Amino acid sequence: LELARTWLRTCQKTHEACRTRATNGPTSLPSRLIKVRALEGSVTHLNLVPQDDLPLGTKYLTLSHCWGGADIVKLTEATLSPFQISINPIGLPKSFLDSFQITVSLGYEFIWIDSLCIIQDSRMDWECEAARMASIYQQSVCTIAAVGSENSHGGCFKSRSTLCFTSCQLADATSERSGVYVGNYRLPRQPLHKRAWVLQERALSIRTLNFGSEMLERDCVSAQASEWEPEMLKPDIRSGVKCIFYELCQQRSILWWELIREYSSCELSFHSDKWPAIQGLATEVEKKLGYKLHFGLWAHRLVDELLWTTTFPKEERMNIDAPSWSWLSIDGQVY
């Protein structure tokens, strides 16, 4: 985690674009945060803190994880009051426990986790918090992403072969690198990145630490790095959704389709979530550009927007409240 701390400090101190996004972002706190107390680096107590009891400007982290159908501890109407006193770590999934340890190690004491900060059996609370999802991730100092786990019990830390990180020195007098780590760059798509709900978390978070099956990666608007390439490299438009979102908000509305191409290739448990799962991101883009989306298409250039197509021409249309001319009606990748 020392490498993660170094990356985070470097970004906070030297990345102007990241600092600008943090300064210009939302200022309201989530309705609830989990307070993580620790002694000598070990977590000793957890409890839920309502917004009214949080100091203005409280810094917090967020967790991005796959539920994966796992039976996990959730916040409910019945557990709301008890959780404000104490959350028993026994029975919590490994991804949650790992995220608490990471929070402490990075020097913070608050974290937001959807299943523990949204009342899961309250439709009203769920709708209210879902509408605020964009600001929750935008205002987070950093998102901890358990990208290598199929469900919440998989955890952030994985056992892996040290052969994946073979260090070799380069005798290049002009290079500033003391060594490079040779690894398998042909990694499969990580489980978390297959989930449609996660795309807006990836795009809206200022910084993300990706705990994968084979390595730790980090990315922000200004730079990307990994255990294989520890030195921060400037990303380009092909580097991922965070960079695409940043460029999209610089008056490049056509890049919306780069996000939709990625989003439509992801998985949803419920077809009815097709729009809600990206609505927070869409709302932020509309605010930045001053244009309106109509069923996922730009209204100001609707004729051109109708030229979308599918990867597979015979993709079936979903029985949801979306017109046939919208990509939202298709179950499959579009571009």
Protein backbone atom coordinates (compact mmCIF):
# COMPACT_ATOMS: atom_id res chain seq x y z
CA LEU A 1 0.00 0.00 0.00
CA GLU A 2 3.02 2.31 0.17
CA LEU A 3 2.90 2.59 -3.62
CA ALA A 4 -0.79 3.54 -3.45
CA ARG A 5 -0.03 6.23 -0.86
CA THR A 6 2.74 7.63 -3.06
CA TRP A 7 0.47 7.75 -6.10
CA LEU A 8 -2.30 9.47 -4.15
CA ARG A 9 0.00 12.11 -2.63
CA THR A 10 1.59 12.83 -6.01
CA CYS A 11 -1.80 13.33 -7.64
CA GLN A 12 -3.07 15.60 -4.87
CA LYS A 13 0.06 17.76 -4.94
CA THR A 14 0.95 17.97 -8.63
CA HIS A 15 -2.08 17.24 -10.83
CA GLU A 16 -3.77 20.54 -11.59
CA ALA A 17 -6.62 18.98 -13.62
CA CYS A 18 -7.51 16.65 -10.74
CA ARG A 19 -7.42 19.47 -8.19
CA THR A 20 -9.63 21.58 -10.45
CA ARG A 21 -12.20 18.79 -10.75
CA ALA A 22 -12.22 18.40 -6.97
CA THR A 23 -12.61 22.15 -6.41
CA ASN A 24 -15.34 22.61 -9.02
CA GLY A 25 -17.26 19.48 -8.05
CA PRO A 26 -20.28 19.07 -5.74
CA THR A 27 -19.96 20.22 -2.14
CA SER A 28 -22.75 18.30 -0.39
CA LEU A 29 -21.87 15.15 1.54
CA PRO A 30 -23.59 11.76 1.17
CA SER A 31 -26.53 11.07 3.47
CA ARG A 32 -24.37 8.64 5.45
CA LEU A 33 -20.73 7.60 5.73
CA ILE A 34 -19.00 4.76 7.54
CA LYS A 35 -16.50 5.91 10.15
CA VAL A 36 -13.47 3.65 10.45
CA ARG A 37 -11.56 3.93 13.71
CA ALA A 38 -8.16 2.35 14.04
CA LEU A 39 -5.39 1.82 16.55
CA GLU A 40 -1.82 1.38 15.31
CA GLY A 41 -3.07 0.71 11.79
CA SER A 42 -5.64 -1.93 12.75
CA VAL A 43 -9.39 -1.31 12.44
CA THR A 44 -11.02 -1.28 15.89
CA HIS A 45 -14.54 0.14 15.38
CA LEU A 46 -17.04 0.82 12.60
CA ASN A 47 -20.22 2.85 12.70
CA LEU A 48 -22.56 4.72 10.38
CA VAL A 49 -22.57 8.52 10.67
CA PRO A 50 -25.52 10.54 9.27
CA GLN A 51 -24.85 13.64 7.19
CA ASP A 52 -26.01 16.01 9.94
CA ASP A 53 -23.24 14.75 12.23
CA LEU A 54 -20.48 15.10 9.63
CA PRO A 55 -18.29 18.23 9.63
CA LEU A 56 -18.54 20.30 6.47
CA GLY A 57 -15.81 19.28 4.06
CA THR A 58 -15.36 15.79 5.48
CA LYS A 59 -13.00 13.79 3.25
CA TYR A 60 -14.04 10.26 2.37
CA LEU A 61 -13.28 7.36 0.04
CA THR A 62 -15.71 5.17 -1.92
CA LEU A 63 -15.79 1.45 -2.66
CA SER A 64 -16.70 0.06 -6.08
CA HIS A 65 -17.45 -3.67 -5.97
CA CYS A 66 -19.42 -6.49 -7.57
CA TRP A 67 -22.37 -7.69 -5.53
CA GLY A 68 -22.35 -10.79 -7.73
CA GLY A 69 -25.46 -12.27 -6.14
CA ALA A 70 -23.58 -12.71 -2.88
CA ASP A 71 -25.57 -12.69 0.35
CA ILE A 72 -24.05 -9.71 2.16
CA VAL A 73 -24.85 -7.55 5.16
CA LYS A 74 -27.03 -4.60 4.13
CA LEU A 75 -28.39 -1.42 5.66
CA THR A 76 -32.14 -1.73 6.25
CA GLU A 77 -34.78 0.21 8.17
CA ALA A 78 -34.27 -2.23 11.04
CA THR A 79 -30.46 -1.92 11.15
CA LEU A 80 -30.24 1.85 10.62
CA SER A 81 -30.18 2.78 14.33
CA PRO A 82 -27.93 -0.13 15.45
CA PHE A 83 -25.43 0.61 12.66
CA GLN A 84 -25.10 4.20 13.91
CA ILE A 85 -23.78 2.76 17.17
CA SER A 86 -21.65 -0.04 15.78
CA ILE A 87 -21.27 -2.26 12.71
CA ASN A 88 -20.07 -5.74 13.62
CA PRO A 89 -17.20 -6.67 11.26
CA ILE A 90 -17.99 -10.36 11.73
CA GLY A 91 -19.95 -11.45 8.68
CA LEU A 92 -18.95 -8.49 6.52
CA PRO A 93 -17.61 -9.52 3.09
CA LYS A 94 -13.88 -9.46 2.48
CA SER A 95 -14.03 -6.60 -0.02
CA PHE A 96 -15.56 -4.40 2.70
CA LEU A 97 -12.99 -5.41 5.31
CA ASP A 98 -10.14 -4.83 2.86
CA SER A 99 -11.52 -1.40 1.94
CA PHE A 100 -11.59 -0.38 5.62
CA GLN A 101 -7.93 -1.34 5.97
CA ILE A 102 -7.05 0.56 2.78
CA THR A 103 -8.93 3.63 4.05
CA VAL A 104 -6.90 3.64 7.26
CA SER A 105 -3.63 2.97 5.42
CA LEU A 106 -4.24 5.96 3.13
CA GLY A 107 -4.81 8.21 6.14
CA TYR A 108 -8.61 8.61 6.07
CA GLU A 109 -11.40 7.60 8.42
CA PHE A 110 -14.58 7.74 6.31
CA ILE A 111 -15.75 5.57 3.44
CA TRP A 112 -18.99 5.20 1.45
CA ILE A 113 -20.23 1.72 0.47
CA ASP A 114 -23.56 1.44 -1.34
CA SER A 115 -24.99 -1.58 0.51
CA LEU A 116 -24.14 -0.10 3.93
CA CYS A 117 -24.98 3.55 3.21
CA ILE A 118 -28.25 3.20 1.25
CA ILE A 119 -31.31 1.75 3.01
CA GLN A 120 -31.85 -1.30 0.84
CA ASP A 121 -35.50 -1.95 1.76
CA SER A 122 -36.57 1.68 1.29
CA ARG A 123 -37.54 2.56 -2.28
CA MET A 124 -37.60 6.25 -1.37
CA ASP A 125 -34.08 6.21 0.06
CA TRP A 126 -32.75 4.16 -2.84
CA GLU A 127 -34.18 6.58 -5.42
CA CYS A 128 -32.88 9.59 -3.49
CA GLU A 129 -29.36 8.19 -3.19
CA ALA A 130 -29.30 6.87 -6.77
CA ALA A 131 -30.00 10.41 -7.97
CA ARG A 132 -26.99 11.63 -5.95
CA MET A 133 -24.64 8.85 -7.07
CA ALA A 134 -22.72 11.12 -9.43
CA SER A 135 -21.89 13.67 -6.73
CA ILE A 136 -20.98 10.91 -4.25
CA TYR A 137 -18.25 9.57 -6.53
CA GLN A 138 -17.16 12.98 -7.82
CA GLN A 139 -16.55 14.29 -4.32
CA SER A 140 -14.74 11.18 -3.11
CA VAL A 141 -10.99 11.61 -2.58
CA CYS A 142 -10.41 8.24 -4.21
CA THR A 143 -12.42 5.18 -5.23
CA ILE A 144 -11.20 1.78 -4.10
CA ALA A 145 -12.19 -0.66 -6.87
CA ALA A 146 -12.20 -4.40 -6.19
CA VAL A 147 -11.92 -5.05 -9.93
CA GLY A 148 -10.59 -8.60 -9.66
CA SER A 149 -13.45 -10.06 -7.62
CA GLU A 150 -16.64 -11.66 -8.94
CA ASN A 151 -18.52 -10.76 -5.75
CA SER A 152 -18.08 -8.89 -2.48
CA HIS A 153 -16.48 -11.86 -0.76
CA GLY A 154 -13.54 -11.89 -3.19
CA GLY A 155 -11.69 -9.03 -1.55
CA CYS A 156 -9.25 -6.43 -2.84
CA PHE A 157 -6.04 -8.31 -2.11
CA LYS A 158 -5.28 -11.36 -4.25
CA SER A 159 -2.68 -14.11 -4.07
CA ARG A 160 -0.57 -13.99 -7.22
CA SER A 161 2.61 -15.34 -8.69
CA THR A 162 5.71 -13.18 -8.28
CA LEU A 163 6.71 -14.28 -11.78
CA CYS A 164 4.23 -11.71 -13.06
CA PHE A 165 6.58 -9.00 -11.81
CA THR A 166 10.04 -9.85 -13.09
CA SER A 167 12.27 -6.80 -12.71
CA CYS A 168 14.99 -6.15 -15.27
CA GLN A 169 17.40 -3.24 -15.51
CA LEU A 170 17.79 -1.33 -18.77
CA ALA A 171 21.26 -0.05 -19.64
CA ASP A 172 19.92 3.08 -21.30
CA ALA A 173 21.79 6.15 -20.10
CA THR A 174 19.02 8.47 -21.29
CA SER A 175 16.28 6.70 -19.35
CA GLU A 176 15.22 7.87 -15.91
CA ARG A 177 13.77 4.47 -15.07
CA SER A 178 15.71 2.30 -12.65
CA GLY A 179 13.93 -0.80 -13.90
CA VAL A 180 10.83 -2.12 -15.59
CA TYR A 181 8.54 -4.92 -14.57
CA VAL A 182 7.77 -7.40 -17.31
CA GLY A 183 4.29 -8.87 -17.09
CA ASN A 184 1.47 -10.38 -19.09
CA TYR A 185 -0.30 -7.43 -20.69
CA ARG A 186 -2.98 -9.65 -22.21
CA LEU A 187 -5.14 -9.68 -19.12
CA PRO A 188 -8.81 -10.62 -19.47
CA ARG A 189 -11.42 -7.97 -18.73
CA GLN A 190 -11.70 -7.71 -14.96
CA PRO A 191 -15.01 -8.85 -13.37
CA LEU A 192 -15.95 -5.44 -11.98
CA HIS A 193 -15.46 -3.74 -15.34
CA LYS A 194 -18.06 -6.06 -16.87
CA ARG A 195 -20.80 -4.49 -14.75
CA ALA A 196 -22.81 -1.65 -16.33
CA TRP A 197 -23.50 0.17 -13.05
CA VAL A 198 -19.77 0.55 -12.50
CA LEU A 199 -19.03 2.59 -15.64
CA GLN A 200 -20.26 5.85 -14.13
CA GLU A 201 -18.27 5.12 -10.97
CA ARG A 202 -15.14 4.70 -13.10
CA ALA A 203 -15.80 7.89 -15.07
CA LEU A 204 -16.90 10.20 -12.26
CA SER A 205 -14.30 9.32 -9.62
CA ILE A 206 -11.41 11.79 -9.65
CA ARG A 207 -8.98 9.03 -8.71
CA THR A 208 -9.31 5.24 -8.71
CA LEU A 209 -7.17 2.51 -7.21
CA ASN A 210 -7.90 -0.71 -9.10
CA PHE A 211 -7.12 -3.82 -7.05
CA GLY A 212 -7.03 -6.47 -9.78
CA SER A 213 -6.45 -10.19 -9.95
CA GLU A 214 -2.80 -9.72 -10.94
CA MET A 215 -1.79 -6.17 -10.06
CA LEU A 216 -2.62 -2.80 -8.56
CA GLU A 217 -3.37 0.03 -10.98
CA ARG A 218 -4.32 3.64 -10.51
CA ASP A 219 -5.79 6.21 -12.83
CA CYS A 220 -6.93 9.79 -12.75
CA VAL A 221 -7.54 12.41 -15.42
CA SER A 222 -3.87 13.40 -15.40
CA ALA A 223 -2.02 10.09 -15.28
CA GLN A 224 -2.13 6.31 -15.17
CA ALA A 225 0.23 3.87 -13.48
CA SER A 226 0.49 0.25 -12.41
CA GLU A 227 2.85 -2.08 -10.60
CA TRP A 228 4.25 -2.94 -14.03
CA GLU A 229 4.70 0.74 -14.89
CA PRO A 230 4.95 2.54 -11.51
CA GLU A 231 5.90 5.89 -13.01
CA MET A 232 2.84 7.93 -13.88
CA LEU A 233 2.17 8.26 -17.60
CA LYS A 234 -0.13 10.82 -19.18
CA PRO A 235 -3.27 9.09 -20.51
CA ASP A 236 -4.80 9.64 -23.93
CA ILE A 237 -8.35 9.33 -25.20
CA ARG A 238 -7.92 5.58 -25.70
CA SER A 239 -6.85 4.99 -22.12
CA GLY A 240 -10.23 4.55 -20.45
CA VAL A 241 -13.57 6.00 -19.48
CA LYS A 242 -12.19 8.57 -17.03
CA CYS A 243 -10.17 10.31 -19.74
CA ILE A 244 -13.04 10.02 -22.24
CA PHE A 245 -15.44 11.61 -19.74
CA TYR A 246 -13.01 14.48 -19.10
CA GLU A 247 -12.58 15.17 -22.82
CA LEU A 248 -16.33 14.80 -23.38
CA CYS A 249 -16.96 17.57 -20.88
CA GLN A 250 -14.64 19.86 -22.87
CA GLN A 251 -17.42 20.44 -25.43
CA ARG A 252 -16.81 17.23 -27.41
CA SER A 253 -20.30 15.73 -27.35
CA ILE A 254 -19.47 13.12 -30.00
CA LEU A 255 -17.36 11.29 -27.38
CA TRP A 256 -20.60 10.34 -25.63
CA TRP A 257 -20.69 7.42 -28.05
CA GLU A 258 -17.31 6.17 -26.83
CA LEU A 259 -18.84 5.82 -23.38
CA ILE A 260 -21.99 4.19 -24.77
CA ARG A 261 -19.93 1.67 -26.74
CA GLU A 262 -18.22 0.61 -23.51
CA TYR A 263 -21.39 0.81 -21.42
CA SER A 264 -23.54 -1.24 -23.80
CA SER A 265 -20.98 -4.07 -23.74
CA CYS A 266 -21.39 -4.41 -19.97
CA GLU A 267 -23.80 -6.61 -18.02
CA LEU A 268 -27.01 -5.69 -16.19
CA SER A 269 -28.96 -7.94 -13.84
CA PHE A 270 -32.20 -6.12 -14.70
CA HIS A 271 -33.05 -4.66 -18.12
CA SER A 272 -35.06 -1.95 -16.37
CA ASP A 273 -31.76 -0.53 -15.06
CA LYS A 274 -30.50 0.27 -18.57
CA TRP A 275 -31.01 4.03 -18.15
CA PRO A 276 -30.80 4.40 -14.33
CA ALA A 277 -27.33 2.78 -14.36
CA ILE A 278 -25.92 5.61 -16.47
CA GLN A 279 -28.34 8.42 -15.61
CA GLY A 280 -26.03 10.07 -13.08
CA LEU A 281 -23.25 10.26 -15.64
CA ALA A 282 -25.64 11.52 -18.32
CA THR A 283 -26.90 14.29 -16.04
CA GLU A 284 -23.36 15.48 -15.38
CA VAL A 285 -22.57 15.54 -19.10
CA GLU A 286 -25.75 17.53 -19.81
CA LYS A 287 -24.75 20.08 -17.16
CA LYS A 288 -21.25 20.46 -18.57
CA LEU A 289 -22.26 20.74 -22.24
CA GLY A 290 -25.58 22.54 -21.95
CA TYR A 291 -27.27 20.01 -24.27
CA LYS A 292 -30.10 17.60 -23.53
CA LEU A 293 -30.19 13.85 -24.06
CA HIS A 294 -33.41 12.31 -25.33
CA PHE A 295 -33.54 8.58 -24.57
CA GLY A 296 -29.73 8.53 -24.65
CA LEU A 297 -29.39 10.55 -27.89
CA TRP A 298 -28.37 14.20 -28.23
CA ALA A 299 -31.51 16.21 -28.98
CA HIS A 300 -29.63 19.00 -30.77
CA ARG A 301 -28.37 16.56 -33.43
CA LEU A 302 -31.02 13.89 -33.27
CA VAL A 303 -31.00 13.01 -36.99
CA ASP A 304 -27.28 12.18 -36.89
CA GLU A 305 -27.71 10.34 -33.59
CA LEU A 306 -30.13 7.89 -35.22
CA LEU A 307 -27.22 6.42 -37.20
CA TRP A 308 -26.18 4.12 -34.34
CA THR A 309 -25.90 0.41 -35.06
CA THR A 310 -25.32 -2.84 -33.20
CA THR A 311 -22.41 -5.24 -33.14
CA PHE A 312 -24.80 -8.05 -34.02
CA PRO A 313 -27.68 -6.99 -36.33
CA LYS A 314 -30.16 -9.43 -34.78
CA GLU A 315 -29.84 -8.20 -31.19
CA GLU A 316 -33.26 -8.50 -29.54
CA ARG A 317 -35.09 -5.45 -28.29
CA MET A 318 -35.86 -5.26 -24.59
CA ASN A 319 -39.35 -4.83 -23.23
CA ILE A 320 -38.62 -1.57 -21.44
CA ASP A 321 -39.95 1.97 -21.70
CA ALA A 322 -37.68 3.09 -24.54
CA PRO A 323 -38.57 3.77 -28.20
CA SER A 324 -37.23 1.45 -30.90
CA TRP A 325 -35.08 4.26 -32.35
CA SER A 326 -33.08 4.53 -29.11
CA TRP A 327 -30.07 2.34 -28.32
CA LEU A 328 -31.65 1.86 -24.89
CA SER A 329 -34.07 -0.61 -26.48
CA ILE A 330 -31.25 -2.97 -27.52
CA ASP A 331 -29.77 -5.73 -25.38
CA GLY A 332 -26.20 -5.73 -26.67
CA GLN A 333 -23.32 -3.50 -27.69
CA VAL A 334 -24.06 -0.46 -29.85
CA TYR A 335 -21.87 2.19 -31.44
